[in-house]
């Protein structure tokens, strides 16, 4: 069960690294509070983007012209 959670965290972190370059670089010299703020901001932005994309796809699927006849 712990291994499954670890894989989920690694996938989520991979998504954040792919989307924002700031997460990719070395961060050992950074203050923990700064790192926490950066990670939380990236997570919130990611969730906002995913939610917005979901709403956009949902609006498109309601279009009658897109339905097969």
C-alpha atoms as a PDB file:
ATOM      1  CA  UNK A   1       0.000   0.000   0.000  1.00  0.00           C
ATOM      2  CA  UNK A   2       2.871   2.355   0.826  1.00  0.00           C
ATOM      3  CA  UNK A   3       4.479   1.560  -2.521  1.00  0.00           C
ATOM      4  CA  UNK A   4       1.287   2.538  -4.359  1.00  0.00           C
ATOM      5  CA  UNK A   5       1.187   5.876  -2.538  1.00  0.00           C
ATOM      6  CA  UNK A   6       4.838   6.461  -3.351  1.00  0.00           C
ATOM      7  CA  UNK A   7       4.182   5.840  -7.060  1.00  0.00           C
ATOM      8  CA  UNK A   8       1.301   8.331  -6.974  1.00  0.00           C
ATOM      9  CA  UNK A   9       3.517  10.978  -5.395  1.00  0.00           C
ATOM     10  CA  UNK A  10       6.286  10.332  -7.938  1.00  0.00           C
ATOM     11  CA  UNK A  11       3.811  10.660 -10.824  1.00  0.00           C
ATOM     12  CA  UNK A  12       2.391  13.879  -9.414  1.00  0.00           C
ATOM     13  CA  UNK A  13       5.873  15.310  -8.916  1.00  0.00           C
ATOM     14  CA  UNK A  14       6.784  14.306 -12.477  1.00  0.00           C
ATOM     15  CA  UNK A  15       3.793  16.254 -13.777  1.00  0.00           C
ATOM     16  CA  UNK A  16       4.853  19.316 -11.791  1.00  0.00           C
ATOM     17  CA  UNK A  17       8.438  19.011 -13.080  1.00  0.00           C
ATOM     18  CA  UNK A  18       7.218  18.781 -16.667  1.00  0.00           C
ATOM     19  CA  UNK A  19       4.978  21.835 -16.323  1.00  0.00           C
ATOM     20  CA  UNK A  20       7.206  24.168 -14.281  1.00  0.00           C
ATOM     21  CA  UNK A  21      10.972  24.402 -14.692  1.00  0.00           C
ATOM     22  CA  UNK A  22      11.418  25.902 -11.214  1.00  0.00           C
ATOM     23  CA  UNK A  23      10.748  22.471  -9.691  1.00  0.00           C
ATOM     24  CA  UNK A  24      13.423  20.769 -11.833  1.00  0.00           C
ATOM     25  CA  UNK A  25      16.546  22.477 -10.519  1.00  0.00           C
ATOM     26  CA  UNK A  26      18.556  21.699  -7.397  1.00  0.00           C
ATOM     27  CA  UNK A  27      16.993  23.077  -4.239  1.00  0.00           C
ATOM     28  CA  UNK A  28      19.229  21.958  -1.373  1.00  0.00           C
ATOM     29  CA  UNK A  29      20.316  25.488  -0.525  1.00  0.00           C
ATOM     30  CA  UNK A  30      16.790  26.873  -0.469  1.00  0.00           C
ATOM     31  CA  UNK A  31      14.912  27.561   2.746  1.00  0.00           C
ATOM     32  CA  UNK A  32      12.312  24.901   3.607  1.00  0.00           C
ATOM     33  CA  UNK A  33       9.599  27.531   3.928  1.00  0.00           C
ATOM     34  CA  UNK A  34      10.366  28.850   0.423  1.00  0.00           C
ATOM     35  CA  UNK A  35      10.319  25.341  -1.028  1.00  0.00           C
ATOM     36  CA  UNK A  36       7.000  24.631   0.671  1.00  0.00           C
ATOM     37  CA  UNK A  37       5.495  27.827  -0.742  1.00  0.00           C
ATOM     38  CA  UNK A  38       6.772  27.072  -4.251  1.00  0.00           C
ATOM     39  CA  UNK A  39       5.473  23.493  -4.209  1.00  0.00           C
ATOM     40  CA  UNK A  40       2.069  24.497  -2.856  1.00  0.00           C
ATOM     41  CA  UNK A  41       1.781  27.227  -5.493  1.00  0.00           C
ATOM     42  CA  UNK A  42       2.674  24.780  -8.284  1.00  0.00           C
ATOM     43  CA  UNK A  43       0.155  22.245  -6.975  1.00  0.00           C
ATOM     44  CA  UNK A  44      -2.604  24.859  -6.766  1.00  0.00           C
ATOM     45  CA  UNK A  45      -1.812  26.170 -10.259  1.00  0.00           C
ATOM     46  CA  UNK A  46      -1.781  22.620 -11.629  1.00  0.00           C
ATOM     47  CA  UNK A  47      -5.173  21.870 -10.076  1.00  0.00           C
ATOM     48  CA  UNK A  48      -6.601  25.115 -11.450  1.00  0.00           C
ATOM     49  CA  UNK A  49      -5.343  24.318 -14.968  1.00  0.00           C
ATOM     50  CA  UNK A  50      -6.671  20.748 -14.849  1.00  0.00           C
ATOM     51  CA  UNK A  51     -10.053  21.973 -13.596  1.00  0.00           C
ATOM     52  CA  UNK A  52     -10.213  24.617 -16.327  1.00  0.00           C
ATOM     53  CA  UNK A  53      -9.307  22.072 -19.028  1.00  0.00           C
ATOM     54  CA  UNK A  54     -11.962  19.699 -17.690  1.00  0.00           C
ATOM     55  CA  UNK A  55     -14.633  22.401 -17.852  1.00  0.00           C
ATOM     56  CA  UNK A  56     -13.565  23.266 -21.426  1.00  0.00           C
ATOM     57  CA  UNK A  57     -13.880  19.634 -22.559  1.00  0.00           C
ATOM     58  CA  UNK A  58     -17.226  19.344 -20.764  1.00  0.00           C
ATOM     59  CA  UNK A  59     -18.557  22.437 -22.602  1.00  0.00           C
ATOM     60  CA  UNK A  60     -17.434  21.024 -25.954  1.00  0.00           C
ATOM     61  CA  UNK A  61     -19.171  17.704 -25.301  1.00  0.00           C
ATOM     62  CA  UNK A  62     -22.486  19.521 -24.785  1.00  0.00           C
ATOM     63  CA  UNK A  63     -22.341  20.861 -28.345  1.00  0.00           C
ATOM     64  CA  UNK A  64     -25.081  19.214 -30.426  1.00  0.00           C
ATOM     65  CA  UNK A  65     -22.984  19.393 -33.597  1.00  0.00           C
ATOM     66  CA  UNK A  66     -20.356  17.121 -32.048  1.00  0.00           C
ATOM     67  CA  UNK A  67     -22.823  14.289 -31.359  1.00  0.00           C
ATOM     68  CA  UNK A  68     -22.906  11.447 -33.900  1.00  0.00           C
ATOM     69  CA  UNK A  69     -26.215  11.105 -35.706  1.00  0.00           C
END
